[in-house]
């Protein structure tokens, strides 16, 4: 879907490359999180995919086509782009913001209106309430949802997301991450996310690309990176709690036991991670928790000792 071949980008003569000899392949339908210290080249790499920056050398291929030989305006209309500050047009209603690319593509009003309603429902916003509001009338989380809906408007195969949750408070951020993960499963896009948050990268990415000084240090699944950091820098970047972070990749349903004879006390969702479960168990000084399905049925039991046995050493 997206391939970078020996890509180098230098700003100005004599400067150190912002991106140096980068080789990367983003598989169709996968979500890749790009992470690294400030100035490592991750945002520059993303901006070269949709021609907001031009490589000094090397090639960027989208669907086998060199983007250097593509009309940038046409390319950008086929790639969804979500940024940290959302970038909604303040004088336009939510409906008109979402309709930006469909209007450029010449869609008729009926088709555009259907798509607006469909997308607002997808991102859990009521079309009847939200269509005619202006951006300043929405919360930060709502504006981020609208920005995501706008990026999806023309049903692009590729989504680029540059620090999409960076300007949102921590509680809303975690909720939106969970919601967007579910949405991305439904819409099946190739997604590139730039983030500075390692927990977000592990949570959102099927694969994680760790960069430093314009170079790629490691590119693998979150599980593989947490288990086998490529070098000391990556190990330190992941943090001293990287073994605990690996618990976030295991869900409750995969290790729970049969339900207890009598359900009691706190419960947890089968889709929650063991990281979340352990935090709740330790926070409330519990031996374990009942596992409860969305309809309220108790379907299992999670014991603290089971989580600790899963804790990778």
Protein backbone atom coordinates (compact mmCIF):
# COMPACT_ATOMS: atom_id res chain seq x y z
CA UNK A 1 0.00 0.00 0.00
CA UNK A 2 2.68 2.53 1.09
CA UNK A 3 6.39 2.01 0.57
CA UNK A 4 9.32 4.31 1.31
CA UNK A 5 12.49 3.36 -0.57
CA UNK A 6 15.80 4.83 0.67
CA UNK A 7 14.08 8.12 1.46
CA UNK A 8 16.19 11.03 2.68
CA UNK A 9 14.92 14.52 3.46
CA UNK A 10 17.24 17.44 4.20
CA UNK A 11 16.09 20.98 4.94
CA UNK A 12 18.72 23.43 3.69
CA UNK A 13 22.26 22.83 2.54
CA UNK A 14 24.71 21.47 5.06
CA UNK A 15 22.07 20.45 7.61
CA UNK A 16 21.77 17.00 9.10
CA UNK A 17 19.02 15.03 7.30
CA UNK A 18 15.64 15.14 9.01
CA UNK A 19 15.05 11.66 7.56
CA UNK A 20 17.95 9.50 6.38
CA UNK A 21 17.85 6.49 4.05
CA UNK A 22 14.50 5.34 5.37
CA UNK A 23 13.03 2.04 4.15
CA UNK A 24 9.51 1.29 5.35
CA UNK A 25 6.54 -0.72 4.14
CA UNK A 26 3.01 -0.11 5.42
CA UNK A 27 0.80 -3.09 4.64
CA UNK A 28 -2.74 -2.54 3.40
CA UNK A 29 -5.30 -2.57 6.21
CA UNK A 30 -2.76 -2.20 9.01
CA UNK A 31 -2.25 0.57 11.55
CA UNK A 32 1.34 1.72 12.01
CA UNK A 33 2.35 3.98 14.89
CA UNK A 34 5.46 6.11 14.33
CA UNK A 35 7.18 7.27 17.48
CA UNK A 36 10.42 8.79 18.67
CA UNK A 37 11.87 11.90 20.36
CA UNK A 38 11.00 15.37 19.07
CA UNK A 39 12.87 16.04 15.84
CA UNK A 40 13.35 12.36 15.01
CA UNK A 41 11.69 12.73 11.58
CA UNK A 42 8.37 10.97 12.17
CA UNK A 43 6.14 13.90 11.13
CA UNK A 44 8.36 14.71 8.16
CA UNK A 45 8.03 11.09 7.05
CA UNK A 46 4.24 11.28 7.25
CA UNK A 47 4.15 14.58 5.35
CA UNK A 48 6.14 13.04 2.49
CA UNK A 49 3.42 10.41 2.02
CA UNK A 50 0.85 13.01 0.96
CA UNK A 51 3.33 15.38 -0.73
CA UNK A 52 3.33 18.07 1.94
CA UNK A 53 7.10 17.53 1.89
CA UNK A 54 9.24 16.33 -1.02
CA UNK A 55 12.04 13.78 -0.51
CA UNK A 56 15.56 15.01 -1.22
CA UNK A 57 16.28 11.51 -2.52
CA UNK A 58 14.55 8.15 -2.67
CA UNK A 59 10.93 7.35 -3.53
CA UNK A 60 7.57 7.28 -1.78
CA UNK A 61 5.15 4.83 -3.42
CA UNK A 62 1.39 4.70 -2.81
CA UNK A 63 -0.33 1.73 -4.45
CA UNK A 64 2.82 1.21 -6.49
CA UNK A 65 2.84 4.77 -7.87
CA UNK A 66 5.62 7.24 -7.13
CA UNK A 67 3.92 10.22 -5.46
CA UNK A 68 6.44 12.50 -7.19
CA UNK A 69 4.64 11.72 -10.45
CA UNK A 70 1.15 12.27 -9.02
CA UNK A 71 -0.93 15.45 -8.92
CA UNK A 72 -0.60 16.45 -5.22
CA UNK A 73 -4.16 17.82 -5.08
CA UNK A 74 -5.60 14.57 -6.41
CA UNK A 75 -3.41 12.51 -4.06
CA UNK A 76 -4.51 14.48 -0.97
CA UNK A 77 -8.17 14.03 -1.84
CA UNK A 78 -7.65 10.26 -1.67
CA UNK A 79 -5.84 10.32 1.69
CA UNK A 80 -7.57 11.23 4.95
CA UNK A 81 -5.53 13.57 7.17
CA UNK A 82 -6.18 14.21 10.87
CA UNK A 83 -4.04 16.67 12.83
CA UNK A 84 -3.68 17.51 16.52
CA UNK A 85 -5.52 20.83 16.42
CA UNK A 86 -8.22 19.30 14.18
CA UNK A 87 -8.23 22.30 11.82
CA UNK A 88 -11.99 22.63 11.40
CA UNK A 89 -13.11 25.72 9.50
CA UNK A 90 -14.54 27.92 12.30
CA UNK A 91 -17.12 29.71 10.14
CA UNK A 92 -18.57 26.48 8.71
CA UNK A 93 -21.14 24.21 10.33
CA UNK A 94 -20.12 20.69 11.26
CA UNK A 95 -21.99 19.36 8.23
CA UNK A 96 -20.13 21.69 5.85
CA UNK A 97 -16.80 20.84 7.46
CA UNK A 98 -17.37 17.14 6.89
CA UNK A 99 -18.52 17.81 3.33
CA UNK A 100 -15.30 19.63 2.35
CA UNK A 101 -13.77 16.87 0.20
CA UNK A 102 -17.08 15.56 -1.22
CA UNK A 103 -17.79 19.09 -2.48
CA UNK A 104 -14.38 19.23 -4.14
CA UNK A 105 -15.11 15.86 -5.75
CA UNK A 106 -18.44 17.11 -7.11
CA UNK A 107 -20.77 14.90 -5.08
CA UNK A 108 -24.46 15.80 -5.30
CA UNK A 109 -26.30 17.11 -2.21
CA UNK A 110 -28.25 13.91 -1.48
CA UNK A 111 -25.14 11.73 -1.53
CA UNK A 112 -23.20 14.24 0.57
CA UNK A 113 -25.97 14.53 3.16
CA UNK A 114 -26.20 10.75 3.51
CA UNK A 115 -22.46 10.53 4.04
CA UNK A 116 -22.48 13.31 6.67
CA UNK A 117 -25.16 11.53 8.70
CA UNK A 118 -23.45 8.15 8.31
CA UNK A 119 -20.13 9.51 9.56
CA UNK A 120 -21.57 11.45 12.48
CA UNK A 121 -23.27 8.27 13.64
CA UNK A 122 -20.03 6.33 13.15
CA UNK A 123 -18.17 8.68 15.52
CA UNK A 124 -21.05 8.62 18.05
CA UNK A 125 -22.41 12.11 17.37
CA UNK A 126 -26.13 12.66 16.78
CA UNK A 127 -26.62 14.16 13.28
CA UNK A 128 -29.85 15.89 14.31
CA UNK A 129 -27.99 17.69 17.10
CA UNK A 130 -24.58 18.26 15.51
CA UNK A 131 -25.09 19.01 11.80
CA UNK A 132 -25.78 22.74 12.21
CA UNK A 133 -23.44 23.51 15.08
CA UNK A 134 -20.23 25.48 14.69
CA UNK A 135 -16.87 24.11 15.90
CA UNK A 136 -16.65 26.49 18.87
CA UNK A 137 -19.87 24.97 20.22
CA UNK A 138 -18.24 21.52 20.58
CA UNK A 139 -15.93 20.08 23.21
CA UNK A 140 -12.37 19.13 22.30
CA UNK A 141 -13.29 15.46 22.07
CA UNK A 142 -16.28 16.23 19.85
CA UNK A 143 -14.15 18.39 17.54
CA UNK A 144 -11.63 15.55 17.26
CA UNK A 145 -14.43 13.18 16.27
CA UNK A 146 -15.61 15.64 13.61
CA UNK A 147 -12.06 15.96 12.30
CA UNK A 148 -11.88 12.19 12.00
CA UNK A 149 -15.27 12.08 10.26
CA UNK A 150 -14.13 14.76 7.80
CA UNK A 151 -10.99 12.75 7.00
CA UNK A 152 -13.18 9.71 6.26
CA UNK A 153 -15.72 11.62 4.13
CA UNK A 154 -14.56 10.43 0.70
CA UNK A 155 -13.83 6.92 2.01
CA UNK A 156 -10.04 7.09 1.52
CA UNK A 157 -8.03 3.88 1.66
CA UNK A 158 -5.28 5.66 3.63
CA UNK A 159 -5.52 7.70 6.83
CA UNK A 160 -2.68 9.85 8.18
CA UNK A 161 -3.06 10.94 11.80
CA UNK A 162 -0.55 13.42 13.25
CA UNK A 163 -0.74 13.48 17.07
CA UNK A 164 -4.54 13.13 16.79
CA UNK A 165 -5.14 12.96 20.55
CA UNK A 166 -2.36 15.26 21.71
CA UNK A 167 -4.52 18.28 22.59
CA UNK A 168 -7.14 16.34 24.56
CA UNK A 169 -7.29 15.77 28.32
CA UNK A 170 -6.02 12.35 29.50
CA UNK A 171 -9.42 10.86 30.37
CA UNK A 172 -11.02 11.84 27.05
CA UNK A 173 -7.87 10.76 25.24
CA UNK A 174 -8.08 7.20 26.56
CA UNK A 175 -11.77 6.98 25.67
CA UNK A 176 -11.20 8.30 22.15
CA UNK A 177 -8.31 5.88 21.59
CA UNK A 178 -10.63 3.00 22.44
CA UNK A 179 -13.41 4.36 20.22
CA UNK A 180 -11.10 4.99 17.27
CA UNK A 181 -9.64 1.49 17.54
CA UNK A 182 -13.16 0.11 17.18
CA UNK A 183 -13.97 2.48 14.30
CA UNK A 184 -10.78 1.53 12.45
CA UNK A 185 -11.76 -2.14 12.70
CA UNK A 186 -15.07 -1.30 11.02
CA UNK A 187 -13.73 0.87 8.19
CA UNK A 188 -10.60 -1.18 7.36
CA UNK A 189 -8.10 1.52 6.42
CA UNK A 190 -4.33 1.68 6.13
CA UNK A 191 -3.48 4.05 8.97
CA UNK A 192 -0.27 5.87 9.90
CA UNK A 193 -0.30 7.52 13.33
CA UNK A 194 2.44 9.85 14.55
CA UNK A 195 2.62 10.04 18.33
CA UNK A 196 5.05 10.90 21.12
CA UNK A 197 3.26 8.60 23.59
CA UNK A 198 4.65 5.05 23.76
CA UNK A 199 1.51 3.73 25.47
CA UNK A 200 -0.60 5.15 22.64
CA UNK A 201 1.70 3.61 20.03
CA UNK A 202 1.47 0.18 21.67
CA UNK A 203 -2.30 0.47 22.03
CA UNK A 204 -3.10 1.76 18.54
CA UNK A 205 -0.48 0.17 16.29
CA UNK A 206 -0.44 -3.24 14.66
CA UNK A 207 3.20 -2.34 14.10
CA UNK A 208 5.38 0.32 15.69
CA UNK A 209 8.21 2.24 14.01
CA UNK A 210 10.70 3.77 16.45
CA UNK A 211 12.89 6.56 15.04
CA UNK A 212 15.83 8.59 16.26
CA UNK A 213 17.78 11.35 14.46
CA UNK A 214 15.99 10.60 11.19
CA UNK A 215 16.79 6.90 11.23
CA UNK A 216 14.62 3.86 11.81
CA UNK A 217 15.78 1.91 14.86
CA UNK A 218 13.12 -0.80 15.05
CA UNK A 219 9.96 -1.72 13.14
CA UNK A 220 7.90 -4.60 14.46
CA UNK A 221 4.75 -5.60 16.33
CA UNK A 222 4.28 -4.05 19.79
CA UNK A 223 4.72 -7.50 21.34
CA UNK A 224 8.06 -8.07 19.61
CA UNK A 225 9.41 -4.61 20.42
CA UNK A 226 8.46 -4.86 24.10
CA UNK A 227 9.93 -8.35 24.33
CA UNK A 228 13.14 -7.65 22.38
CA UNK A 229 14.18 -3.99 22.14
CA UNK A 230 16.69 -3.50 19.30
CA UNK A 231 19.21 -1.56 21.39
CA UNK A 232 19.73 0.30 24.64
CA UNK A 233 18.08 3.47 23.34
CA UNK A 234 14.89 1.62 22.41
CA UNK A 235 14.93 -0.20 25.75
CA UNK A 236 15.20 3.10 27.64
CA UNK A 237 12.62 4.75 25.40
CA UNK A 238 10.10 1.99 26.19
CA UNK A 239 10.59 2.71 29.88
CA UNK A 240 11.41 0.59 32.94
CA UNK A 241 7.83 -0.73 33.04
CA UNK A 242 7.93 -2.28 29.57
CA UNK A 243 7.16 -5.73 30.98
CA UNK A 244 4.02 -4.27 32.57
CA UNK A 245 3.15 -2.59 29.26
CA UNK A 246 3.05 -6.04 27.67
CA UNK A 247 0.05 -6.81 29.85
CA UNK A 248 -1.88 -4.19 27.86
CA UNK A 249 -1.66 -6.51 24.85
CA UNK A 250 -3.49 -9.38 26.59
CA UNK A 251 -7.24 -9.18 27.18
CA UNK A 252 -9.17 -10.54 30.13
CA UNK A 253 -11.20 -13.02 28.07
CA UNK A 254 -8.08 -14.90 26.99
CA UNK A 255 -7.06 -15.86 30.55
CA UNK A 256 -10.23 -15.76 32.65
CA UNK A 257 -11.46 -18.87 34.47
CA UNK A 258 -15.01 -20.18 34.74
CA UNK A 259 -17.45 -18.02 36.75
CA UNK A 260 -17.51 -18.36 40.49
CA UNK A 261 -20.53 -20.01 42.09
CA UNK A 262 -21.59 -16.63 43.48
CA UNK A 263 -20.66 -13.39 41.74
CA UNK A 264 -19.67 -10.64 44.13
CA UNK A 265 -17.80 -7.36 44.29
CA UNK A 266 -16.30 -5.54 41.33
CA UNK A 267 -16.49 -6.73 37.73
CA UNK A 268 -14.57 -6.07 34.54
CA UNK A 269 -15.24 -6.34 30.81
CA UNK A 270 -13.85 -9.37 28.94
CA UNK A 271 -12.31 -6.99 26.42
CA UNK A 272 -10.33 -5.03 29.01
CA UNK A 273 -6.57 -5.49 29.10
CA UNK A 274 -4.72 -7.23 31.90
CA UNK A 275 -2.90 -3.95 32.48
CA UNK A 276 -6.20 -2.26 33.34
CA UNK A 277 -7.39 -5.28 35.35
CA UNK A 278 -4.22 -5.39 37.45
CA UNK A 279 -4.42 -1.66 38.18
CA UNK A 280 -8.01 -2.01 39.38
CA UNK A 281 -7.28 -5.13 41.45
CA UNK A 282 -4.28 -3.58 43.17
CA UNK A 283 -6.06 -0.25 43.62
CA UNK A 284 -8.94 -1.89 45.45
CA UNK A 285 -6.80 -4.60 47.12
CA UNK A 286 -8.80 -7.42 45.54
CA UNK A 287 -7.90 -11.03 44.93
CA UNK A 288 -9.78 -10.95 41.65
CA UNK A 289 -12.83 -9.73 39.75
CA UNK A 290 -15.85 -11.23 38.04
CA UNK A 291 -15.89 -10.85 34.26
CA UNK A 292 -19.13 -9.38 33.01
CA UNK A 293 -20.47 -9.31 29.43
CA UNK A 294 -22.12 -6.13 28.07
CA UNK A 295 -25.57 -7.55 28.85
CA UNK A 296 -24.63 -7.95 32.52
CA UNK A 297 -24.11 -11.70 32.44
CA UNK A 298 -21.16 -12.93 34.51
CA UNK A 299 -19.11 -15.08 32.13
CA UNK A 300 -15.89 -15.67 34.04
CA UNK A 301 -13.55 -14.85 36.87
CA UNK A 302 -10.11 -13.22 36.75
CA UNK A 303 -7.76 -14.02 39.61
CA UNK A 304 -4.87 -11.71 40.50
CA UNK A 305 -2.44 -14.64 40.57
CA UNK A 306 -3.33 -15.46 36.96
CA UNK A 307 -2.35 -11.93 35.90
CA UNK A 308 0.90 -12.13 37.82
CA UNK A 309 1.66 -15.46 36.16
CA UNK A 310 1.18 -13.74 32.77
CA UNK A 311 3.58 -10.96 33.77
CA UNK A 312 6.54 -11.36 31.43
CA UNK A 313 9.88 -11.30 33.23
